[in-house]
Amino acid sequence: MRNLNPAVSVIIPTYCEEAIIEGCLKSVVNQEFDGRIETIVVDSHSPDNTRAVAEKCADKVIDVKARGVGKARNAGAKVAESQLLLFLDADTYLDSNFVAEMYKNFTDPRVVCVSGILKSLEKLSPLDSLFAISHYGFLNKLASLSAHLGFPLFPSVCVGARKPVFLKVGGFAEDMAVAEDITFSRKMGKVGKCVVNNKATAYTSVRRISTCGKREMYSMYFKNYVKIFFLNQKPWVQDFPHIRKT
């Protein structure tokens, strides 16, 4: 008899994502993977139809009143039935082999965290396409190099983790609006091996960069990384107007 327990739980935090969440979920449902995949959408009480759309495809839809992507991811992990968690952004679609590739990495008991490779989701103009290739190319190389050197800096757009280790390190910081993903992967790297799977590709949107503007976005993130890593401060949502709008 086939094991009905999920092999992987995919956790997707949302806020006002009615236009894109269905496509994200379908990319998970259509995975070429032998095991069962549990899909969990954790919505920060969106005023639009995000939860209604998500309920068409997701196994679980959770409504949390408080904002914060770290809080949403942790809430999803708490109810996940699998020992392997995959955190996925709502504006991200997975290649059909993504979960299978990630699962292979976790057959090594030393591996506690796995990141995929990012590419742009949208069809862009030649200039914007060049920017997206450079932007995601930099993030992919940073993730690979940092993992190789033993202090992984993984974006949480598509990152997998062992649930027992996730709980051991305390999950994602809930009082940070930026760098909660990097601080999480650094904590995981202190406990076990973190790797980047170059065959696991996720296509993610550049919409926030397009909305906010490249210069303003990079400046905003740079200043707040300085606050976090050098001044020991924790910027919150009021410092990120693009988060409130999307």
Protein backbone atom coordinates (compact mmCIF):
# COMPACT_ATOMS: atom_id res chain seq x y z
CA MET A 1 0.00 0.00 0.00
CA ARG A 2 1.35 3.43 -0.94
CA ASN A 3 2.48 5.62 1.95
CA LEU A 4 -0.07 8.40 2.35
CA ASN A 5 2.22 10.60 4.44
CA PRO A 6 3.63 13.50 2.41
CA ALA A 7 7.28 13.25 1.43
CA VAL A 8 7.58 17.04 1.11
CA SER A 9 5.52 19.93 2.48
CA VAL A 10 5.57 23.09 0.35
CA ILE A 11 4.86 26.27 2.34
CA ILE A 12 3.85 29.44 0.48
CA PRO A 13 3.35 32.76 2.33
CA THR A 14 0.93 35.16 0.64
CA TYR A 15 -0.52 38.63 0.83
CA CYS A 16 -2.80 39.90 -1.96
CA GLU A 17 -1.63 37.26 -4.45
CA GLU A 18 -4.96 36.34 -6.08
CA ALA A 19 -3.54 36.95 -9.57
CA ILE A 20 -0.57 34.62 -9.31
CA ILE A 21 -1.02 32.06 -6.52
CA GLU A 22 -2.94 29.56 -8.68
CA GLY A 23 -0.08 29.32 -11.19
CA CYS A 24 2.42 28.85 -8.39
CA LEU A 25 0.35 26.04 -6.87
CA LYS A 26 -0.18 24.34 -10.21
CA SER A 27 3.59 24.24 -10.73
CA VAL A 28 3.79 22.32 -7.43
CA VAL A 29 0.87 20.01 -8.20
CA ASN A 30 2.40 19.14 -11.60
CA GLN A 31 5.75 18.03 -10.19
CA GLU A 32 7.25 14.82 -11.62
CA PHE A 33 7.77 13.23 -8.23
CA ASP A 34 6.89 9.78 -6.93
CA GLY A 35 6.05 10.86 -3.37
CA ARG A 36 3.10 12.91 -2.14
CA ILE A 37 3.53 16.67 -1.92
CA GLU A 38 1.57 18.62 0.68
CA THR A 39 0.80 22.24 -0.24
CA ILE A 40 0.26 24.81 2.50
CA VAL A 41 -0.64 28.44 1.81
CA VAL A 42 -0.27 30.82 4.75
CA ASP A 43 -2.07 34.06 4.00
CA SER A 44 -1.58 37.25 6.03
CA HIS A 45 -5.31 38.05 6.05
CA SER A 46 -5.43 39.42 2.48
CA PRO A 47 -8.38 41.70 1.71
CA ASP A 48 -8.61 40.22 -1.82
CA ASN A 49 -9.50 36.68 -2.99
CA THR A 50 -6.10 35.08 -2.35
CA ARG A 51 -7.42 32.48 0.09
CA ALA A 52 -10.40 31.57 -2.10
CA VAL A 53 -8.16 31.02 -5.12
CA ALA A 54 -5.62 29.05 -3.07
CA GLU A 55 -8.29 26.71 -1.72
CA LYS A 56 -8.83 25.36 -5.25
CA CYS A 57 -5.38 23.74 -5.30
CA ALA A 58 -3.79 23.79 -1.84
CA ASP A 59 -4.16 21.08 0.80
CA LYS A 60 -4.22 23.62 3.61
CA VAL A 61 -4.93 27.36 3.62
CA ILE A 62 -4.17 29.19 6.85
CA ASP A 63 -5.32 32.72 7.62
CA VAL A 64 -3.03 34.61 10.00
CA LYS A 65 -3.98 38.10 11.13
CA ALA A 66 -0.45 39.44 11.66
CA ARG A 67 1.82 40.51 8.78
CA GLY A 68 5.35 39.20 8.36
CA VAL A 69 6.80 36.62 5.98
CA GLY A 70 8.85 34.96 8.72
CA LYS A 71 5.75 34.54 10.87
CA ALA A 72 3.84 33.05 7.92
CA ARG A 73 6.57 30.54 7.04
CA ASN A 74 6.87 29.44 10.66
CA ALA A 75 3.10 28.99 10.91
CA GLY A 76 3.17 26.77 7.82
CA ALA A 77 6.06 24.70 9.15
CA LYS A 78 4.18 24.14 12.39
CA VAL A 79 1.29 22.33 10.64
CA ALA A 80 3.40 20.60 7.97
CA GLU A 81 3.12 16.82 8.06
CA SER A 82 6.40 16.07 6.26
CA GLN A 83 9.91 16.09 7.68
CA LEU A 84 11.11 17.93 4.55
CA LEU A 85 9.94 21.52 4.04
CA LEU A 86 10.13 23.59 0.87
CA PHE A 87 9.55 27.32 1.28
CA LEU A 88 8.34 28.94 -1.93
CA ASP A 89 7.37 32.51 -2.79
CA ALA A 90 3.90 33.00 -4.29
CA ASP A 91 5.26 34.68 -7.42
CA THR A 92 7.53 31.72 -8.21
CA TYR A 93 6.94 28.72 -10.47
CA LEU A 94 8.91 25.48 -10.20
CA ASP A 95 10.40 23.41 -13.00
CA SER A 96 8.64 20.05 -13.10
CA ASN A 97 11.71 18.24 -11.67
CA PHE A 98 12.41 20.72 -8.85
CA VAL A 99 11.06 18.68 -5.92
CA ALA A 100 12.62 15.43 -7.20
CA GLU A 101 16.01 17.11 -7.51
CA MET A 102 15.78 18.66 -4.06
CA TYR A 103 14.69 15.33 -2.60
CA LYS A 104 17.85 13.68 -3.96
CA ASN A 105 19.99 16.08 -1.93
CA PHE A 106 18.20 15.14 1.26
CA THR A 107 19.06 11.47 0.84
CA ASP A 108 22.42 12.57 2.26
CA PRO A 109 21.76 12.75 6.03
CA ARG A 110 24.36 15.51 6.40
CA VAL A 111 22.31 17.90 4.23
CA VAL A 112 19.94 20.14 6.20
CA CYS A 113 19.16 22.92 3.69
CA VAL A 114 18.91 23.04 -0.13
CA SER A 115 18.55 26.01 -2.45
CA GLY A 116 17.54 25.95 -6.10
CA ILE A 117 18.59 28.12 -9.05
CA LEU A 118 16.62 31.29 -9.85
CA LYS A 119 15.61 32.60 -13.26
CA SER A 120 13.21 35.32 -14.36
CA LEU A 121 9.54 34.39 -14.72
CA GLU A 122 8.38 37.14 -17.05
CA LYS A 123 9.09 37.81 -20.70
CA LEU A 124 11.08 41.04 -20.59
CA SER A 125 12.49 43.63 -22.95
CA PRO A 126 16.10 42.97 -24.02
CA LEU A 127 17.48 45.51 -21.52
CA ASP A 128 15.36 44.26 -18.61
CA SER A 129 16.13 40.67 -19.58
CA LEU A 130 19.85 41.42 -19.36
CA PHE A 131 19.28 42.95 -15.93
CA ALA A 132 17.32 39.89 -14.74
CA ILE A 133 20.02 37.51 -15.96
CA SER A 134 22.66 39.55 -14.12
CA HIS A 135 20.54 39.92 -10.98
CA TYR A 136 19.62 36.28 -10.59
CA GLY A 137 23.01 35.13 -11.85
CA PHE A 138 24.62 37.07 -9.02
CA LEU A 139 22.23 35.60 -6.42
CA ASN A 140 22.85 32.07 -7.73
CA LYS A 141 26.63 32.47 -7.62
CA LEU A 142 26.50 34.06 -4.18
CA ALA A 143 24.44 31.14 -2.88
CA SER A 144 26.79 28.55 -4.39
CA LEU A 145 29.99 30.24 -3.25
CA SER A 146 28.76 30.98 0.26
CA ALA A 147 27.54 27.38 0.67
CA HIS A 148 30.91 26.08 -0.51
CA LEU A 149 32.68 28.30 2.02
CA GLY A 150 30.43 27.15 4.86
CA PHE A 151 28.28 30.24 5.52
CA PRO A 152 25.29 29.82 3.18
CA LEU A 153 23.45 32.94 2.05
CA PHE A 154 20.29 31.55 0.47
CA PRO A 155 17.30 33.57 -0.72
CA SER A 156 14.06 32.04 0.55
CA VAL A 157 12.38 32.19 -2.87
CA CYS A 158 12.80 28.39 -3.10
CA VAL A 159 14.68 26.84 -0.21
CA GLY A 160 14.24 23.42 1.38
CA ALA A 161 14.97 22.40 4.98
CA ARG A 162 14.72 19.40 7.29
CA LYS A 163 11.91 20.12 9.72
CA PRO A 164 13.68 18.85 12.88
CA VAL A 165 16.66 21.13 12.14
CA PHE A 166 14.34 23.99 11.19
CA LEU A 167 12.70 23.72 14.60
CA LYS A 168 16.05 23.35 16.33
CA VAL A 169 17.35 26.68 14.98
CA GLY A 170 14.05 28.46 15.67
CA GLY A 171 12.87 28.83 12.08
CA PHE A 172 12.71 32.26 10.44
CA ALA A 173 13.04 35.49 12.40
CA GLU A 174 9.57 37.00 12.81
CA ASP A 175 10.68 40.55 13.61
CA MET A 176 12.58 41.24 10.38
CA ALA A 177 11.25 42.50 7.04
CA VAL A 178 14.45 41.75 5.14
CA ALA A 179 17.34 39.26 5.47
CA GLU A 180 15.21 36.80 7.43
CA ASP A 181 16.14 34.29 4.72
CA ILE A 182 19.89 34.92 4.91
CA THR A 183 19.93 34.78 8.70
CA PHE A 184 17.96 31.52 8.51
CA SER A 185 20.35 29.81 6.08
CA ARG A 186 23.31 30.94 8.15
CA LYS A 187 21.75 29.30 11.22
CA MET A 188 21.15 26.11 9.25
CA GLY A 189 24.75 26.16 8.03
CA LYS A 190 25.99 26.02 11.61
CA VAL A 191 24.08 22.78 12.20
CA GLY A 192 24.64 20.82 8.98
CA LYS A 193 25.49 20.88 5.30
CA CYS A 194 23.75 23.36 2.98
CA VAL A 195 23.90 22.89 -0.79
CA VAL A 196 22.72 24.47 -4.03
CA ASN A 197 21.19 22.14 -6.62
CA ASN A 198 22.00 23.50 -10.09
CA LYS A 199 19.41 21.18 -11.67
CA ALA A 200 16.51 22.53 -9.58
CA THR A 201 15.28 25.69 -11.30
CA ALA A 202 12.61 28.11 -10.11
CA TYR A 203 11.24 30.99 -12.16
CA THR A 204 10.48 34.03 -10.05
CA SER A 205 9.05 37.47 -10.75
CA VAL A 206 10.97 40.74 -10.94
CA ARG A 207 7.73 42.66 -10.33
CA ARG A 208 8.85 44.30 -7.06
CA ILE A 209 12.07 45.53 -8.63
CA SER A 210 10.09 46.85 -11.61
CA THR A 211 7.52 48.55 -9.35
CA CYS A 212 9.98 50.07 -6.92
CA GLY A 213 12.79 50.83 -9.37
CA LYS A 214 16.18 49.14 -9.61
CA ARG A 215 18.22 51.89 -7.96
CA GLU A 216 15.73 52.48 -5.16
CA MET A 217 15.33 48.76 -4.49
CA TYR A 218 19.05 48.01 -4.30
CA SER A 219 19.65 51.11 -2.17
CA MET A 220 16.87 50.12 0.21
CA TYR A 221 18.16 46.59 0.66
CA PHE A 222 21.79 47.70 1.00
CA LYS A 223 20.97 50.24 3.72
CA ASN A 224 18.90 47.73 5.64
CA TYR A 225 21.53 44.98 5.37
CA VAL A 226 23.94 47.46 6.96
CA LYS A 227 21.40 48.05 9.73
CA ILE A 228 21.04 44.32 10.34
CA PHE A 229 24.56 43.00 10.03
CA PHE A 230 26.60 45.96 11.27
CA LEU A 231 24.30 48.04 13.49
CA ASN A 232 22.32 45.12 14.95
CA GLN A 233 19.02 46.79 14.07
CA LYS A 234 15.92 45.07 12.67
CA PRO A 235 13.98 47.10 10.10
CA TRP A 236 10.30 46.30 9.83
CA VAL A 237 7.55 46.66 7.22
CA GLN A 238 7.34 50.45 7.45
CA ASP A 239 10.80 50.59 5.84
CA PHE A 240 9.56 48.64 2.82
CA PRO A 241 6.71 50.41 1.00
CA HIS A 242 6.88 47.94 -1.90
CA ILE A 243 5.94 45.13 0.49
CA ARG A 244 2.83 46.96 1.59
CA LYS A 245 1.74 47.52 -2.01
CA THR A 246 2.16 43.94 -3.28
